[in-house]
N, C-alpha and C. Protein backbone atom coordinates (compact mmCIF):
# COMPACT_ATOMS: atom_id res chain seq x y z
N MET A 1 92.01 139.74 123.92
CA MET A 1 91.53 138.92 122.82
C MET A 1 90.13 139.39 122.44
N SER A 2 89.87 139.45 121.17
CA SER A 2 88.57 139.93 120.72
C SER A 2 87.48 138.92 121.05
N GLU A 3 86.29 139.40 121.09
CA GLU A 3 85.14 138.54 121.39
C GLU A 3 85.00 137.42 120.35
N VAL A 4 85.23 137.74 119.11
CA VAL A 4 85.11 136.75 118.04
C VAL A 4 86.12 135.62 118.24
N ARG A 5 87.36 135.97 118.51
CA ARG A 5 88.39 134.95 118.73
C ARG A 5 88.09 134.12 119.97
N ARG A 6 87.60 134.77 121.02
CA ARG A 6 87.27 134.04 122.25
C ARG A 6 86.18 133.01 121.97
N ARG A 7 85.16 133.41 121.23
CA ARG A 7 84.07 132.48 120.89
C ARG A 7 84.57 131.36 119.98
N ALA A 8 85.46 131.70 119.06
CA ALA A 8 86.00 130.68 118.16
C ALA A 8 86.75 129.62 118.93
N TRP A 9 87.59 130.04 119.89
CA TRP A 9 88.32 129.05 120.69
C TRP A 9 87.37 128.26 121.58
N GLN A 10 86.36 128.89 122.06
CA GLN A 10 85.38 128.18 122.88
C GLN A 10 84.72 127.07 122.04
N THR A 11 84.36 127.39 120.82
CA THR A 11 83.76 126.40 119.93
C THR A 11 84.73 125.27 119.64
N ARG A 12 85.99 125.62 119.37
CA ARG A 12 87.01 124.59 119.09
C ARG A 12 87.19 123.68 120.29
N ARG A 13 87.22 124.23 121.48
CA ARG A 13 87.39 123.40 122.68
C ARG A 13 86.19 122.49 122.91
N GLU A 14 85.00 122.98 122.56
CA GLU A 14 83.82 122.13 122.69
C GLU A 14 83.90 120.95 121.73
N ARG A 15 84.38 121.21 120.52
CA ARG A 15 84.48 120.15 119.52
C ARG A 15 85.63 119.19 119.78
N TYR A 16 86.80 119.74 120.09
CA TYR A 16 88.02 118.94 120.10
C TYR A 16 88.65 118.74 121.47
N GLY A 17 88.12 119.36 122.51
CA GLY A 17 88.71 119.19 123.82
C GLY A 17 89.62 120.35 124.19
N ALA A 18 90.35 120.17 125.25
CA ALA A 18 91.15 121.26 125.83
C ALA A 18 92.22 121.79 124.87
N LYS A 19 92.78 120.95 124.01
CA LYS A 19 93.83 121.40 123.09
C LYS A 19 93.28 122.26 121.96
N GLY A 20 92.03 122.06 121.60
CA GLY A 20 91.45 122.85 120.52
C GLY A 20 91.70 122.29 119.14
N HIS A 21 92.23 121.05 119.07
CA HIS A 21 92.40 120.38 117.78
C HIS A 21 92.25 118.88 117.97
N SER A 22 92.01 118.18 116.87
CA SER A 22 91.66 116.77 116.95
C SER A 22 92.85 115.84 117.05
N GLY A 23 94.03 116.30 116.74
CA GLY A 23 95.19 115.41 116.77
C GLY A 23 96.49 116.17 116.90
N GLN A 24 97.57 115.43 116.71
CA GLN A 24 98.89 116.03 116.83
C GLN A 24 99.23 116.81 115.56
N TYR A 25 99.94 117.89 115.73
CA TYR A 25 100.41 118.67 114.59
C TYR A 25 101.72 118.14 114.05
N ARG A 26 102.48 117.48 114.87
CA ARG A 26 103.77 116.98 114.39
C ARG A 26 103.57 115.68 113.64
N GLN A 27 104.51 115.41 112.75
CA GLN A 27 104.43 114.22 111.93
C GLN A 27 105.03 113.03 112.67
N ALA A 28 104.45 111.89 112.50
CA ALA A 28 104.97 110.68 113.13
C ALA A 28 106.34 110.34 112.54
N ALA A 29 107.15 109.63 113.31
CA ALA A 29 108.47 109.22 112.85
C ALA A 29 108.33 108.25 111.69
N LEU A 30 109.23 108.38 110.73
CA LEU A 30 109.21 107.51 109.56
C LEU A 30 110.19 106.36 109.74
N CYS A 31 109.95 105.28 109.02
CA CYS A 31 110.88 104.14 109.04
C CYS A 31 112.18 104.56 108.34
N PRO A 32 113.26 103.83 108.57
CA PRO A 32 114.55 104.20 107.96
C PRO A 32 114.49 104.28 106.43
N THR A 33 113.78 103.37 105.80
CA THR A 33 113.66 103.40 104.34
C THR A 33 112.96 104.67 103.88
N CYS A 34 111.90 105.04 104.57
CA CYS A 34 111.17 106.26 104.21
C CYS A 34 112.03 107.50 104.43
N GLU A 35 112.83 107.49 105.49
CA GLU A 35 113.74 108.62 105.75
C GLU A 35 114.74 108.77 104.60
N ARG A 36 115.29 107.64 104.12
CA ARG A 36 116.24 107.70 103.01
C ARG A 36 115.55 108.21 101.74
N LEU A 37 114.34 107.71 101.49
CA LEU A 37 113.61 108.17 100.31
C LEU A 37 113.31 109.66 100.39
N ARG A 38 112.92 110.12 101.56
CA ARG A 38 112.64 111.55 101.74
C ARG A 38 113.90 112.37 101.47
N ALA A 39 115.04 111.91 101.96
CA ALA A 39 116.30 112.62 101.73
C ALA A 39 116.62 112.67 100.23
N GLU A 40 116.41 111.56 99.52
CA GLU A 40 116.66 111.54 98.08
C GLU A 40 115.71 112.48 97.34
N ILE A 41 114.46 112.49 97.72
CA ILE A 41 113.48 113.39 97.10
C ILE A 41 113.87 114.83 97.34
N ASP A 42 114.31 115.15 98.55
CA ASP A 42 114.75 116.52 98.86
C ASP A 42 115.93 116.93 97.98
N LYS A 43 116.88 116.00 97.79
CA LYS A 43 118.03 116.30 96.92
C LYS A 43 117.58 116.55 95.49
N LEU A 44 116.67 115.71 95.00
CA LEU A 44 116.18 115.88 93.63
C LEU A 44 115.44 117.20 93.47
N ARG A 45 114.66 117.58 94.45
CA ARG A 45 113.95 118.87 94.39
C ARG A 45 114.92 120.02 94.35
N GLN A 46 115.97 119.93 95.15
CA GLN A 46 116.98 120.99 95.18
C GLN A 46 117.66 121.10 93.82
N ARG A 47 118.04 119.96 93.23
CA ARG A 47 118.68 119.99 91.92
C ARG A 47 117.74 120.54 90.86
N LEU A 48 116.46 120.16 90.93
CA LEU A 48 115.48 120.68 89.98
C LEU A 48 115.34 122.19 90.12
N ASP A 49 115.24 122.66 91.36
CA ASP A 49 115.14 124.11 91.59
C ASP A 49 116.35 124.84 91.03
N GLU A 50 117.54 124.28 91.24
CA GLU A 50 118.75 124.90 90.73
C GLU A 50 118.76 124.93 89.21
N THR A 51 118.32 123.83 88.58
CA THR A 51 118.28 123.76 87.13
C THR A 51 117.28 124.77 86.56
N VAL A 52 116.11 124.83 87.13
CA VAL A 52 115.08 125.77 86.66
C VAL A 52 115.58 127.20 86.81
N THR A 53 116.18 127.49 87.94
CA THR A 53 116.71 128.83 88.19
C THR A 53 117.76 129.20 87.16
N ARG A 54 118.67 128.26 86.89
CA ARG A 54 119.74 128.51 85.93
C ARG A 54 119.18 128.66 84.52
N GLU A 55 118.29 127.77 84.12
CA GLU A 55 117.76 127.78 82.74
C GLU A 55 116.85 128.97 82.47
N THR A 56 116.21 129.48 83.46
CA THR A 56 115.32 130.63 83.26
C THR A 56 116.06 131.95 83.44
N GLY A 57 117.33 131.88 83.81
CA GLY A 57 118.13 133.09 83.96
C GLY A 57 117.86 133.85 85.25
N GLN A 58 117.25 133.21 86.20
CA GLN A 58 116.94 133.89 87.46
C GLN A 58 118.12 133.89 88.42
N ASP A 59 119.21 133.25 88.04
CA ASP A 59 120.37 133.19 88.92
C ASP A 59 121.31 134.36 88.72
N ARG A 60 120.97 135.27 87.83
CA ARG A 60 121.86 136.41 87.52
C ARG A 60 121.62 137.57 88.42
């Protein structure tokens, strides 16, 4: 590991502790309603992407 990276991690550990960051990287679990809404949003995004692709001729 380079000296710069070693010093950077040393600084991070001084600030944030042994893990080197202030919190969890994973997202907290969502309530059932939020999960359903997220699924609906994902479907709408997929349909929008498909429509844009088709209308702009990028699907050829």
